[in-house]
PDB file of N, CA and C in Angstrom:
ATOM      1  N   MET A   1       0.848  -1.165   0.000  1.00  0.00           N
ATOM      2  CA  MET A   1       0.000   0.000   0.000  1.00  0.00           C
ATOM      3  C   MET A   1       0.899   1.235   0.000  1.00  0.00           C
ATOM      4  N   SER A   2       0.663   2.103  -0.927  1.00  0.00           N
ATOM      5  CA  SER A   2       1.487   3.306  -1.005  1.00  0.00           C
ATOM      6  C   SER A   2       1.037   4.335   0.038  1.00  0.00           C
ATOM      7  N   PHE A   3       1.868   5.337   0.182  1.00  0.00           N
ATOM      8  CA  PHE A   3       1.573   6.374   1.168  1.00  0.00           C
ATOM      9  C   PHE A   3       0.287   7.120   0.810  1.00  0.00           C
ATOM     10  N   LEU A   4       0.109   7.404  -0.486  1.00  0.00           N
ATOM     11  CA  LEU A   4      -1.083   8.135  -0.930  1.00  0.00           C
ATOM     12  C   LEU A   4      -2.360   7.341  -0.644  1.00  0.00           C
ATOM     13  N   SER A   5      -2.350   6.059  -0.930  1.00  0.00           N
ATOM     14  CA  SER A   5      -3.555   5.256  -0.688  1.00  0.00           C
ATOM     15  C   SER A   5      -3.855   5.142   0.803  1.00  0.00           C
ATOM     16  N   ARG A   6      -2.811   5.051   1.619  1.00  0.00           N
ATOM     17  CA  ARG A   6      -3.042   5.002   3.074  1.00  0.00           C
ATOM     18  C   ARG A   6      -3.599   6.321   3.585  1.00  0.00           C
ATOM     19  N   LEU A   7      -3.104   7.410   3.030  1.00  0.00           N
ATOM     20  CA  LEU A   7      -3.586   8.726   3.437  1.00  0.00           C
ATOM     21  C   LEU A   7      -5.050   8.917   3.038  1.00  0.00           C
ATOM     22  N   VAL A   8      -5.403   8.504   1.821  1.00  0.00           N
ATOM     23  CA  VAL A   8      -6.789   8.621   1.359  1.00  0.00           C
ATOM     24  C   VAL A   8      -7.702   7.740   2.206  1.00  0.00           C
ATOM     25  N   THR A   9      -7.253   6.524   2.507  1.00  0.00           N
ATOM     26  CA  THR A   9      -8.061   5.625   3.337  1.00  0.00           C
ATOM     27  C   THR A   9      -8.238   6.186   4.744  1.00  0.00           C
ATOM     28  N   LEU A  10      -7.183   6.718   5.319  1.00  0.00           N
ATOM     29  CA  LEU A  10      -7.272   7.311   6.660  1.00  0.00           C
ATOM     30  C   LEU A  10      -8.224   8.505   6.661  1.00  0.00           C
ATOM     31  N   PHE A  11      -8.127   9.348   5.647  1.00  0.00           N
ATOM     32  CA  PHE A  11      -9.024  10.495   5.545  1.00  0.00           C
ATOM     33  C   PHE A  11     -10.481  10.044   5.435  1.00  0.00           C
ATOM     34  N   GLY A  12     -10.731   9.013   4.635  1.00  0.00           N
ATOM     35  CA  GLY A  12     -12.088   8.478   4.509  1.00  0.00           C
ATOM     36  C   GLY A  12     -12.606   7.898   5.806  1.00  0.00           C
ATOM     37  N   LEU A  13     -11.727   7.228   6.550  1.00  0.00           N
ATOM     38  CA  LEU A  13     -12.147   6.664   7.833  1.00  0.00           C
ATOM     39  C   LEU A  13     -12.448   7.751   8.856  1.00  0.00           C
ATOM     40  N   VAL A  14     -11.669   8.840   8.833  1.00  0.00           N
ATOM     41  CA  VAL A  14     -11.954   9.965   9.727  1.00  0.00           C
ATOM     42  C   VAL A  14     -13.301  10.581   9.377  1.00  0.00           C
ATOM     43  N   LEU A  15     -13.553  10.753   8.076  1.00  0.00           N
ATOM     44  CA  LEU A  15     -14.858  11.280   7.651  1.00  0.00           C
ATOM     45  C   LEU A  15     -15.995  10.351   8.073  1.00  0.00           C
ATOM     46  N   LEU A  16     -15.779   9.052   7.921  1.00  0.00           N
ATOM     47  CA  LEU A  16     -16.814   8.085   8.305  1.00  0.00           C
ATOM     48  C   LEU A  16     -17.069   8.118   9.809  1.00  0.00           C
ATOM     49  N   GLY A  17     -16.012   8.240  10.590  1.00  0.00           N
ATOM     50  CA  GLY A  17     -16.184   8.361  12.039  1.00  0.00           C
ATOM     51  C   GLY A  17     -16.930   9.625  12.416  1.00  0.00           C
ATOM     52  N   HIS A  18     -16.609  10.724  11.736  1.00  0.00           N
ATOM     53  CA  HIS A  18     -17.304  11.976  12.007  1.00  0.00           C
ATOM     54  C   HIS A  18     -18.780  11.885  11.628  1.00  0.00           C
ATOM     55  N   ALA A  19     -19.063  11.221  10.514  1.00  0.00           N
ATOM     56  CA  ALA A  19     -20.461  11.062  10.106  1.00  0.00           C
ATOM     57  C   ALA A  19     -21.230  10.206  11.107  1.00  0.00           C
ATOM     58  N   GLY A  20     -20.589   9.165  11.601  1.00  0.00           N
ATOM     59  CA  GLY A  20     -21.235   8.322  12.612  1.00  0.00           C
ATOM     60  C   GLY A  20     -21.486   9.071  13.904  1.00  0.00           C
ATOM     61  N   TYR A  21     -20.501   9.876  14.321  1.00  0.00           N
ATOM     62  CA  TYR A  21     -20.672  10.671  15.531  1.00  0.00           C
ATOM     63  C   TYR A  21     -21.772  11.715  15.344  1.00  0.00           C
ATOM     64  N   SER A  22     -21.812  12.342  14.160  1.00  0.00           N
ATOM     65  CA  SER A  22     -22.862  13.338  13.891  1.00  0.00           C
ATOM     66  C   SER A  22     -24.242  12.700  13.899  1.00  0.00           C
ATOM     67  N   ALA A  23     -24.339  11.505  13.342  1.00  0.00           N
ATOM     68  CA  ALA A  23     -25.628  10.809  13.346  1.00  0.00           C
ATOM     69  C   ALA A  23     -26.046  10.460  14.768  1.00  0.00           C
ATOM     70  N   HIS A  24     -25.086  10.029  15.575  1.00  0.00           N
ATOM     71  CA  HIS A  24     -25.395   9.710  16.970  1.00  0.00           C
ATOM     72  C   HIS A  24     -25.848  10.956  17.732  1.00  0.00           C
ATOM     73  N   GLU A  25     -25.131  12.047  17.570  1.00  0.00           N
ATOM     74  CA  GLU A  25     -25.500  13.297  18.245  1.00  0.00           C
ATOM     75  C   GLU A  25     -26.881  13.778  17.802  1.00  0.00           C
ATOM     76  N   HIS A  26     -27.160  13.652  16.524  1.00  0.00           N
ATOM     77  CA  HIS A  26     -28.465  14.092  16.032  1.00  0.00           C
ATOM     78  C   HIS A  26     -29.585  13.271  16.636  1.00  0.00           C
ATOM     79  N   THR A  27     -29.399  11.961  16.722  1.00  0.00           N
ATOM     80  CA  THR A  27     -30.463  11.122  17.291  1.00  0.00           C
ATOM     81  C   THR A  27     -30.614  11.359  18.788  1.00  0.00           C
ATOM     82  N   VAL A  28     -29.522  11.673  19.484  1.00  0.00           N
ATOM     83  CA  VAL A  28     -29.614  11.940  20.917  1.00  0.00           C
ATOM     84  C   VAL A  28     -30.311  13.279  21.163  1.00  0.00           C
ATOM     85  N   LEU A  29     -29.943  14.307  20.400  1.00  0.00           N
ATOM     86  CA  LEU A  29     -30.524  15.634  20.613  1.00  0.00           C
ATOM     87  C   LEU A  29     -31.993  15.709  20.217  1.00  0.00           C
ATOM     88  N   TYR A  30     -32.371  14.973  19.185  1.00  0.00           N
ATOM     89  CA  TYR A  30     -33.749  15.048  18.699  1.00  0.00           C
ATOM     90  C   TYR A  30     -34.502  13.749  18.954  1.00  0.00           C
ATOM     91  N   SER A  31     -34.212  13.087  20.062  1.00  0.00           N
ATOM     92  CA  SER A  31     -34.867  11.818  20.360  1.00  0.00           C
ATOM     93  C   SER A  31     -36.312  11.996  20.822  1.00  0.00           C
ATOM     94  N   ASN A  32     -36.673  13.186  21.278  1.00  0.00           N
ATOM     95  CA  ASN A  32     -38.049  13.383  21.746  1.00  0.00           C
ATOM     96  C   ASN A  32     -39.006  13.689  20.597  1.00  0.00           C
ATOM     97  N   ILE A  33     -38.494  13.930  19.413  1.00  0.00           N
ATOM     98  CA  ILE A  33     -39.354  14.164  18.245  1.00  0.00           C
ATOM     99  C   ILE A  33     -39.704  12.806  17.652  1.00  0.00           C
ATOM    100  N   SER A  34     -40.942  12.651  17.225  1.00  0.00           N
ATOM    101  CA  SER A  34     -41.388  11.347  16.729  1.00  0.00           C
ATOM    102  C   SER A  34     -40.664  10.944  15.443  1.00  0.00           C
ATOM    103  N   SER A  35     -40.337  11.890  14.586  1.00  0.00           N
ATOM    104  CA  SER A  35     -39.663  11.574  13.328  1.00  0.00           C
ATOM    105  C   SER A  35     -38.206  12.017  13.421  1.00  0.00           C
ATOM    106  N   THR A  36     -37.293  11.050  13.529  1.00  0.00           N
ATOM    107  CA  THR A  36     -35.879  11.392  13.626  1.00  0.00           C
ATOM    108  C   THR A  36     -35.188  11.057  12.300  1.00  0.00           C
ATOM    109  N   VAL A  37     -35.462  11.860  11.304  1.00  0.00           N
ATOM    110  CA  VAL A  37     -34.828  11.679  10.006  1.00  0.00           C
ATOM    111  C   VAL A  37     -33.487  12.403  10.028  1.00  0.00           C
ATOM    112  N   LEU A  38     -32.459  11.735   9.545  1.00  0.00           N
ATOM    113  CA  LEU A  38     -31.135  12.356   9.520  1.00  0.00           C
ATOM    114  C   LEU A  38     -31.096  13.467   8.490  1.00  0.00           C
ATOM    115  N   PRO A  39     -30.386  14.545   8.793  1.00  0.00           N
ATOM    116  CA  PRO A  39     -30.240  15.614   7.809  1.00  0.00           C
ATOM    117  C   PRO A  39     -29.456  15.124   6.589  1.00  0.00           C
ATOM    118  N   HIS A  40     -29.668  15.820   5.482  1.00  0.00           N
ATOM    119  CA  HIS A  40     -29.046  15.404   4.231  1.00  0.00           C
ATOM    120  C   HIS A  40     -27.532  15.527   4.269  1.00  0.00           C
ATOM    121  N   ASP A  41     -26.993  16.480   5.016  1.00  0.00           N
ATOM    122  CA  ASP A  41     -25.533  16.639   5.056  1.00  0.00           C
ATOM    123  C   ASP A  41     -24.847  15.444   5.717  1.00  0.00           C
ATOM    124  N   ILE A  42     -25.497  14.831   6.711  1.00  0.00           N
ATOM    125  CA  ILE A  42     -24.919  13.651   7.352  1.00  0.00           C
ATOM    126  C   ILE A  42     -24.964  12.467   6.394  1.00  0.00           C
ATOM    127  N   ILE A  43     -26.047  12.326   5.679  1.00  0.00           N
ATOM    128  CA  ILE A  43     -26.170  11.236   4.710  1.00  0.00           C
ATOM    129  C   ILE A  43     -25.137  11.385   3.600  1.00  0.00           C
ATOM    130  N   VAL A  44     -24.983  12.594   3.089  1.00  0.00           N
ATOM    131  CA  VAL A  44     -24.011  12.840   2.024  1.00  0.00           C
ATOM    132  C   VAL A  44     -22.592  12.607   2.534  1.00  0.00           C
ATOM    133  N   GLU A  45     -22.304  13.051   3.762  1.00  0.00           N
ATOM    134  CA  GLU A  45     -20.978  12.841   4.331  1.00  0.00           C
ATOM    135  C   GLU A  45     -20.676  11.355   4.481  1.00  0.00           C
ATOM    136  N   THR A  46     -21.656  10.578   4.879  1.00  0.00           N
ATOM    137  CA  THR A  46     -21.467   9.137   5.011  1.00  0.00           C
ATOM    138  C   THR A  46     -21.174   8.504   3.665  1.00  0.00           C
ATOM    139  N   LEU A  47     -21.954   8.850   2.651  1.00  0.00           N
ATOM    140  CA  LEU A  47     -21.747   8.268   1.325  1.00  0.00           C
ATOM    141  C   LEU A  47     -20.391   8.671   0.743  1.00  0.00           C
ATOM    142  N   VAL A  48     -20.015   9.933   0.909  1.00  0.00           N
ATOM    143  CA  VAL A  48     -18.717  10.397   0.398  1.00  0.00           C
ATOM    144  C   VAL A  48     -17.579   9.694   1.126  1.00  0.00           C
ATOM    145  N   SER A  49     -17.705   9.520   2.431  1.00  0.00           N
ATOM    146  CA  SER A  49     -16.631   8.868   3.189  1.00  0.00           C
ATOM    147  C   SER A  49     -16.478   7.401   2.793  1.00  0.00           C
ATOM    148  N   VAL A  50     -17.584   6.723   2.544  1.00  0.00           N
ATOM    149  CA  VAL A  50     -17.499   5.327   2.092  1.00  0.00           C
ATOM    150  C   VAL A  50     -16.843   5.265   0.715  1.00  0.00           C
ATOM    151  N   LEU A  51     -17.164   6.206  -0.148  1.00  0.00           N
ATOM    152  CA  LEU A  51     -16.559   6.265  -1.476  1.00  0.00           C
ATOM    153  C   LEU A  51     -15.057   6.541  -1.380  1.00  0.00           C
ATOM    154  N   VAL A  52     -14.651   7.463  -0.503  1.00  0.00           N
ATOM    155  CA  VAL A  52     -13.237   7.793  -0.339  1.00  0.00           C
ATOM    156  C   VAL A  52     -12.469   6.600   0.238  1.00  0.00           C
ATOM    157  N   VAL A  53     -13.038   5.900   1.200  1.00  0.00           N
ATOM    158  CA  VAL A  53     -12.390   4.712   1.754  1.00  0.00           C
ATOM    159  C   VAL A  53     -12.243   3.646   0.677  1.00  0.00           C
ATOM    160  N   SER A  54     -13.270   3.460  -0.122  1.00  0.00           N
ATOM    161  CA  SER A  54     -13.210   2.463  -1.196  1.00  0.00           C
ATOM    162  C   SER A  54     -12.126   2.814  -2.204  1.00  0.00           C
ATOM    163  N   ILE A  55     -12.032   4.078  -2.569  1.00  0.00           N
ATOM    164  CA  ILE A  55     -11.001   4.504  -3.518  1.00  0.00           C
ATOM    165  C   ILE A  55      -9.611   4.281  -2.928  1.00  0.00           C
ATOM    166  N   GLY A  56      -9.434   4.601  -1.660  1.00  0.00           N
ATOM    167  CA  GLY A  56      -8.139   4.372  -1.011  1.00  0.00           C
ATOM    168  C   GLY A  56      -7.758   2.903  -0.972  1.00  0.00           C
ATOM    169  N   LEU A  57      -8.717   2.027  -0.707  1.00  0.00           N
ATOM    170  CA  LEU A  57      -8.433   0.599  -0.672  1.00  0.00           C
ATOM    171  C   LEU A  57      -8.125   0.050  -2.063  1.00  0.00           C
ATOM    172  N   VAL A  58      -8.824   0.553  -3.071  1.00  0.00           N
ATOM    173  CA  VAL A  58      -8.569   0.101  -4.439  1.00  0.00           C
ATOM    174  C   VAL A  58      -7.203   0.585  -4.911  1.00  0.00           C
ATOM    175  N   LEU A  59      -6.846   1.809  -4.569  1.00  0.00           N
ATOM    176  CA  LEU A  59      -5.535   2.325  -4.969  1.00  0.00           C
ATOM    177  C   LEU A  59      -4.396   1.546  -4.307  1.00  0.00           C
ATOM    178  N   GLY A  60      -4.622   1.045  -3.115  1.00  0.00           N
ATOM    179  CA  GLY A  60      -3.580   0.329  -2.394  1.00  0.00           C
ATOM    180  C   GLY A  60      -3.518  -1.159  -2.677  1.00  0.00           C
ATOM    181  N   ALA A  61      -4.461  -1.665  -3.440  1.00  0.00           N
ATOM    182  CA  ALA A  61      -4.483  -3.098  -3.715  1.00  0.00           C
ATOM    183  C   ALA A  61      -3.401  -3.466  -4.723  1.00  0.00           C
ATOM    184  N   GLU A  62      -2.975  -4.714  -4.664  1.00  0.00           N
ATOM    185  CA  GLU A  62      -1.985  -5.195  -5.618  1.00  0.00           C
ATOM    186  C   GLU A  62      -2.615  -5.315  -6.998  1.00  0.00           C
ATOM    187  N   LYS A  63      -1.776  -5.301  -7.993  1.00  0.00           N
ATOM    188  CA  LYS A  63      -2.273  -5.468  -9.359  1.00  0.00           C
ATOM    189  C   LYS A  63      -2.808  -6.875  -9.524  1.00  0.00           C
ATOM    190  N   LEU A  64      -3.913  -6.984 -10.235  1.00  0.00           N
ATOM    191  CA  LEU A  64      -4.529  -8.287 -10.441  1.00  0.00           C
ATOM    192  C   LEU A  64      -3.741  -9.084 -11.473  1.00  0.00           C
ATOM    193  N   LYS A  65      -3.685 -10.368 -11.262  1.00  0.00           N
ATOM    194  CA  LYS A  65      -2.986 -11.249 -12.185  1.00  0.00           C
ATOM    195  C   LYS A  65      -4.028 -12.054 -12.949  1.00  0.00           C
ATOM    196  N   PRO A  66      -3.787 -12.304 -14.226  1.00  0.00           N
ATOM    197  CA  PRO A  66      -4.754 -13.128 -14.963  1.00  0.00           C
ATOM    198  C   PRO A  66      -4.744 -14.557 -14.439  1.00  0.00           C
ATOM    199  N   VAL A  67      -5.912 -15.123 -14.333  1.00  0.00           N
ATOM    200  CA  VAL A  67      -6.052 -16.464 -13.805  1.00  0.00           C
ATOM    201  C   VAL A  67      -6.694 -17.336 -14.862  1.00  0.00           C
ATOM    202  N   SER A  68      -6.087 -18.453 -15.147  1.00  0.00           N
ATOM    203  CA  SER A  68      -6.737 -19.429 -16.022  1.00  0.00           C
ATOM    204  C   SER A  68      -7.010 -20.676 -15.189  1.00  0.00           C
ATOM    205  N   TRP A  69      -8.124 -21.271 -15.438  1.00  0.00           N
ATOM    206  CA  TRP A  69      -8.559 -22.421 -14.662  1.00  0.00           C
ATOM    207  C   TRP A  69      -7.546 -23.559 -14.766  1.00  0.00           C
ATOM    208  N   ARG A  70      -6.974 -23.749 -15.943  1.00  0.00           N
ATOM    209  CA  ARG A  70      -6.040 -24.846 -16.172  1.00  0.00           C
ATOM    210  C   ARG A  70      -4.791 -24.683 -15.306  1.00  0.00           C
ATOM    211  N   ASP A  71      -4.243 -23.472 -15.262  1.00  0.00           N
ATOM    212  CA  ASP A  71      -3.049 -23.230 -14.457  1.00  0.00           C
ATOM    213  C   ASP A  71      -3.339 -23.382 -12.965  1.00  0.00           C
ATOM    214  N   TRP A  72      -4.499 -22.882 -12.535  1.00  0.00           N
ATOM    215  CA  TRP A  72      -4.866 -22.975 -11.120  1.00  0.00           C
ATOM    216  C   TRP A  72      -5.053 -24.431 -10.704  1.00  0.00           C
ATOM    217  N   ALA A  73      -5.765 -25.190 -11.522  1.00  0.00           N
ATOM    218  CA  ALA A  73      -6.008 -26.594 -11.187  1.00  0.00           C
ATOM    219  C   ALA A  73      -4.701 -27.388 -11.207  1.00  0.00           C
ATOM    220  N   GLY A  74      -3.799 -27.067 -12.139  1.00  0.00           N
ATOM    221  CA  GLY A  74      -2.509 -27.744 -12.184  1.00  0.00           C
ATOM    222  C   GLY A  74      -1.682 -27.458 -10.943  1.00  0.00           C
ATOM    223  N   ALA A  75      -1.704 -26.213 -10.485  1.00  0.00           N
ATOM    224  CA  ALA A  75      -0.971 -25.859  -9.265  1.00  0.00           C
ATOM    225  C   ALA A  75      -1.555 -26.566  -8.052  1.00  0.00           C
ATOM    226  N   ILE A  76      -2.852 -26.690  -7.984  1.00  0.00           N
ATOM    227  CA  ILE A  76      -3.502 -27.395  -6.867  1.00  0.00           C
ATOM    228  C   ILE A  76      -3.109 -28.863  -6.878  1.00  0.00           C
ATOM    229  N   GLU A  77      -3.095 -29.475  -8.061  1.00  0.00           N
ATOM    230  CA  GLU A  77      -2.730 -30.882  -8.151  1.00  0.00           C
ATOM    231  C   GLU A  77      -1.260 -31.104  -7.782  1.00  0.00           C
ATOM    232  N   ARG A  78      -0.382 -30.193  -8.174  1.00  0.00           N
ATOM    233  CA  ARG A  78       1.037 -30.328  -7.849  1.00  0.00           C
ATOM    234  C   ARG A  78       1.284 -30.159  -6.357  1.00  0.00           C
ATOM    235  N   ASP A  79       0.582 -29.226  -5.728  1.00  0.00           N
ATOM    236  CA  ASP A  79       0.792 -28.959  -4.305  1.00  0.00           C
ATOM    237  C   ASP A  79       0.210 -30.037  -3.412  1.00  0.00           C
ATOM    238  N   GLY A  80      -0.685 -30.801  -3.915  1.00  0.00           N
ATOM    239  CA  GLY A  80      -1.335 -31.818  -3.099  1.00  0.00           C
ATOM    240  C   GLY A  80      -2.737 -31.363  -2.741  1.00  0.00           C
ATOM    241  N   GLY A  81      -3.373 -32.112  -1.877  1.00  0.00           N
ATOM    242  CA  GLY A  81      -4.771 -31.871  -1.603  1.00  0.00           C
ATOM    243  C   GLY A  81      -5.074 -30.853  -0.538  1.00  0.00           C
ATOM    244  N   ALA A  82      -4.062 -30.261   0.086  1.00  0.00           N
ATOM    245  CA  ALA A  82      -4.330 -29.377   1.217  1.00  0.00           C
ATOM    246  C   ALA A  82      -5.097 -28.123   0.807  1.00  0.00           C
ATOM    247  N   ARG A  83      -4.795 -27.563  -0.366  1.00  0.00           N
ATOM    248  CA  ARG A  83      -5.446 -26.333  -0.793  1.00  0.00           C
ATOM    249  C   ARG A  83      -6.615 -26.584  -1.736  1.00  0.00           C
ATOM    250  N   ASN A  84      -6.920 -27.828  -2.008  1.00  0.00           N
ATOM    251  CA  ASN A  84      -7.956 -28.156  -2.975  1.00  0.00           C
ATOM    252  C   ASN A  84      -9.340 -27.925  -2.369  1.00  0.00           C
ATOM    253  N   PRO A  85     -10.131 -26.990  -2.910  1.00  0.00           N
ATOM    254  CA  PRO A  85     -11.458 -26.752  -2.340  1.00  0.00           C
ATOM    255  C   PRO A  85     -12.453 -27.863  -2.670  1.00  0.00           C
ATOM    256  N   PHE A  86     -12.108 -28.733  -3.629  1.00  0.00           N
ATOM    257  CA  PHE A  86     -13.004 -29.813  -4.025  1.00  0.00           C
ATOM    258  C   PHE A  86     -12.585 -31.148  -3.425  1.00  0.00           C
ATOM    259  N   LEU A  87     -11.703 -31.114  -2.422  1.00  0.00           N
ATOM    260  CA  LEU A  87     -11.180 -32.338  -1.838  1.00  0.00           C
ATOM    261  C   LEU A  87     -12.283 -33.172  -1.182  1.00  0.00           C
ATOM    262  N   SER A  88     -13.208 -32.512  -0.533  1.00  0.00           N
ATOM    263  CA  SER A  88     -14.278 -33.265   0.138  1.00  0.00           C
ATOM    264  C   SER A  88     -15.176 -33.968  -0.877  1.00  0.00           C
ATOM    265  N   LEU A  89     -15.292 -33.416  -2.083  1.00  0.00           N
ATOM    266  CA  LEU A  89     -16.092 -34.078  -3.113  1.00  0.00           C
ATOM    267  C   LEU A  89     -15.341 -35.250  -3.740  1.00  0.00           C
ATOM    268  N   GLU A  90     -14.022 -35.134  -3.823  1.00  0.00           N
ATOM    269  CA  GLU A  90     -13.235 -36.193  -4.451  1.00  0.00           C
ATOM    270  C   GLU A  90     -13.020 -37.383  -3.533  1.00  0.00           C
ATOM    271  N   GLU A  91     -13.062 -37.176  -2.222  1.00  0.00           N
ATOM    272  CA  GLU A  91     -12.791 -38.251  -1.281  1.00  0.00           C
ATOM    273  C   GLU A  91     -14.021 -38.695  -0.500  1.00  0.00           C
ATOM    274  N   ARG A  92     -15.165 -38.474  -1.042  1.00  0.00           N
ATOM    275  CA  ARG A  92     -16.374 -38.884  -0.330  1.00  0.00           C
ATOM    276  C   ARG A  92     -16.581 -40.387  -0.476  1.00  0.00           C
ATOM    277  N   TYR A  93     -17.377 -40.933   0.398  1.00  0.00           N
ATOM    278  CA  TYR A  93     -17.648 -42.368   0.383  1.00  0.00           C
ATOM    279  C   TYR A  93     -18.547 -42.711  -0.793  1.00  0.00           C
ATOM    280  N   ALA A  94     -18.320 -43.882  -1.339  1.00  0.00           N
ATOM    281  CA  ALA A  94     -19.197 -44.370  -2.396  1.00  0.00           C
ATOM    282  C   ALA A  94     -20.449 -44.961  -1.736  1.00  0.00           C
ATOM    283  N   PHE A  95     -21.353 -45.443  -2.560  1.00  0.00           N
ATOM    284  CA  PHE A  95     -22.554 -46.072  -2.011  1.00  0.00           C
ATOM    285  C   PHE A  95     -22.175 -47.367  -1.319  1.00  0.00           C
ATOM    286  N   TRP A  96     -22.837 -47.650  -0.215  1.00  0.00           N
ATOM    287  CA  TRP A  96     -22.581 -48.875   0.520  1.00  0.00           C
ATOM    288  C   TRP A  96     -23.492 -49.965  -0.006  1.00  0.00           C
ATOM    289  N   ASP A  97     -22.964 -51.165   0.005  1.00  0.00           N
ATOM    290  CA  ASP A  97     -23.776 -52.326  -0.323  1.00  0.00           C
ATOM    291  C   ASP A  97     -24.395 -52.800   0.991  1.00  0.00           C
ATOM    292  N   ILE A  98     -25.650 -52.433   1.189  1.00  0.00           N
ATOM    293  CA  ILE A  98     -26.316 -52.705   2.467  1.00  0.00           C
ATOM    294  C   ILE A  98     -26.453 -54.200   2.713  1.00  0.00           C
ATOM    295  N   ARG A  99     -26.761 -54.969   1.683  1.00  0.00           N
ATOM    296  CA  ARG A  99     -26.919 -56.415   1.876  1.00  0.00           C
ATOM    297  C   ARG A  99     -25.610 -57.056   2.329  1.00  0.00           C
ATOM    298  N   ALA A 100     -24.502 -56.620   1.737  1.00  0.00           N
ATOM    299  CA  ALA A 100     -23.208 -57.175   2.142  1.00  0.00           C
ATOM    300  C   ALA A 100     -22.877 -56.772   3.573  1.00  0.00           C
ATOM    301  N   LYS A 101     -23.186 -55.549   3.951  1.00  0.00           N
ATOM    302  CA  LYS A 101     -22.916 -55.100   5.315  1.00  0.00           C
ATOM    303  C   LYS A 101     -23.776 -55.857   6.320  1.00  0.00           C
ATOM    304  N   ARG A 102     -25.049 -56.143   5.958  1.00  0.00           N
ATOM    305  CA  ARG A 102     -25.913 -56.911   6.855  1.00  0.00           C
ATOM    306  C   ARG A 102     -25.387 -58.329   7.037  1.00  0.00           C
ATOM    307  N   LYS A 103     -24.950 -58.932   5.918  1.00  0.00           N
ATOM    308  CA  LYS A 103     -24.427 -60.289   6.000  1.00  0.00           C
ATOM    309  C   LYS A 103     -23.134 -60.319   6.819  1.00  0.00           C
ATOM    310  N   GLU A 104     -22.291 -59.329   6.629  1.00  0.00           N
ATOM    311  CA  GLU A 104     -21.055 -59.239   7.399  1.00  0.00           C
ATOM    312  C   GLU A 104     -21.361 -59.072   8.881  1.00  0.00           C
ATOM    313  N   PHE A 105     -22.343 -58.250   9.218  1.00  0.00           N
ATOM    314  CA  PHE A 105     -22.716 -58.044  10.609  1.00  0.00           C
ATOM    315  C   PHE A 105     -23.311 -59.314  11.206  1.00  0.00           C
ATOM    316  N   SER A 106     -24.184 -59.985  10.465  1.00  0.00           N
ATOM    317  CA  SER A 106     -24.791 -61.204  11.003  1.00  0.00           C
ATOM    318  C   SER A 106     -23.744 -62.297  11.192  1.00  0.00           C
ATOM    319  N   ASN A 107     -22.769 -62.381  10.298  1.00  0.00           N
ATOM    320  CA  ASN A 107     -21.681 -63.349  10.494  1.00  0.00           C
ATOM    321  C   ASN A 107     -20.855 -62.998  11.714  1.00  0.00           C
ATOM    322  N   TRP A 108     -20.654 -61.733  11.937  1.00  0.00           N
ATOM    323  CA  TRP A 108     -19.884 -61.302  13.101  1.00  0.00           C
ATOM    324  C   TRP A 108     -20.634 -61.623  14.393  1.00  0.00           C
ATOM    325  N   VAL A 109     -21.952 -61.412  14.381  1.00  0.00           N
ATOM    326  CA  VAL A 109     -22.756 -61.692  15.570  1.00  0.00           C
ATOM    327  C   VAL A 109     -22.746 -63.182  15.877  1.00  0.00           C
ATOM    328  N   ARG A 110     -22.836 -64.000  14.851  1.00  0.00           N
ATOM    329  CA  ARG A 110     -22.838 -65.456  15.044  1.00  0.00           C
ATOM    330  C   ARG A 110     -21.457 -65.997  15.412  1.00  0.00           C
ATOM    331  N   GLY A 111     -20.452 -65.191  15.241  1.00  0.00           N
ATOM    332  CA  GLY A 111     -19.097 -65.675  15.563  1.00  0.00           C
ATOM    333  C   GLY A 111     -18.387 -66.214  14.363  1.00  0.00           C
ATOM    334  N   GLN A 112     -18.986 -66.169  13.229  1.00  0.00           N
ATOM    335  CA  GLN A 112     -18.341 -66.634  12.005  1.00  0.00           C
ATOM    336  C   GLN A 112     -17.628 -65.440  11.366  1.00  0.00           C
ATOM    337  N   ASP A 113     -16.475 -65.195  11.812  1.00  0.00           N
ATOM    338  CA  ASP A 113     -15.766 -63.998  11.350  1.00  0.00           C
ATOM    339  C   ASP A 113     -15.149 -64.272   9.976  1.00  0.00           C
ATOM    340  N   VAL A 114     -16.002 -64.545   9.028  1.00  0.00           N
ATOM    341  CA  VAL A 114     -15.567 -64.856   7.670  1.00  0.00           C
ATOM    342  C   VAL A 114     -15.792 -63.609   6.822  1.00  0.00           C
ATOM    343  N   PRO A 115     -14.743 -63.099   6.205  1.00  0.00           N
ATOM    344  CA  PRO A 115     -14.931 -61.906   5.367  1.00  0.00           C
ATOM    345  C   PRO A 115     -15.704 -62.253   4.096  1.00  0.00           C
ATOM    346  N   ILE A 116     -16.471 -61.331   3.666  1.00  0.00           N
ATOM    347  CA  ILE A 116     -17.301 -61.506   2.469  1.00  0.00           C
ATOM    348  C   ILE A 116     -16.518 -61.001   1.271  1.00  0.00           C
ATOM    349  N   LYS A 117     -16.548 -61.752   0.214  1.00  0.00           N
ATOM    350  CA  LYS A 117     -15.903 -61.310  -1.022  1.00  0.00           C
ATOM    351  C   LYS A 117     -16.853 -60.420  -1.777  1.00  0.00           C
ATOM    352  N   GLU A 118     -16.366 -59.245  -2.095  1.00  0.00           N
ATOM    353  CA  GLU A 118     -17.247 -58.299  -2.791  1.00  0.00           C
ATOM    354  C   GLU A 118     -16.889 -58.207  -4.231  1.00  0.00           C
TER     355      GLU A 118
END
């Protein structure tokens, strides 16, 4: 982040804090009135401060790099499965053969610890 972008972001945050404080003061001072609509200057100050903060953050961001799916997937495969967001889908359990599991359980209960050939 360059000095200019940090300065712009800091200025926007100060403006945003001031707008929040002004809104709080306005609601406290005019809390006995049934309609507590914020004045337009506070609303405009809030919107401008959010815009200034956004500009400061965009100016300070790194340059974007082009991404191709093929290169990204190749890097994930080379690095292993730790960074793979689809790892849980690739390593999920297959369908169970319920009849084989029942037969295996019944053999185990009877004491016939004979493995079933699948």
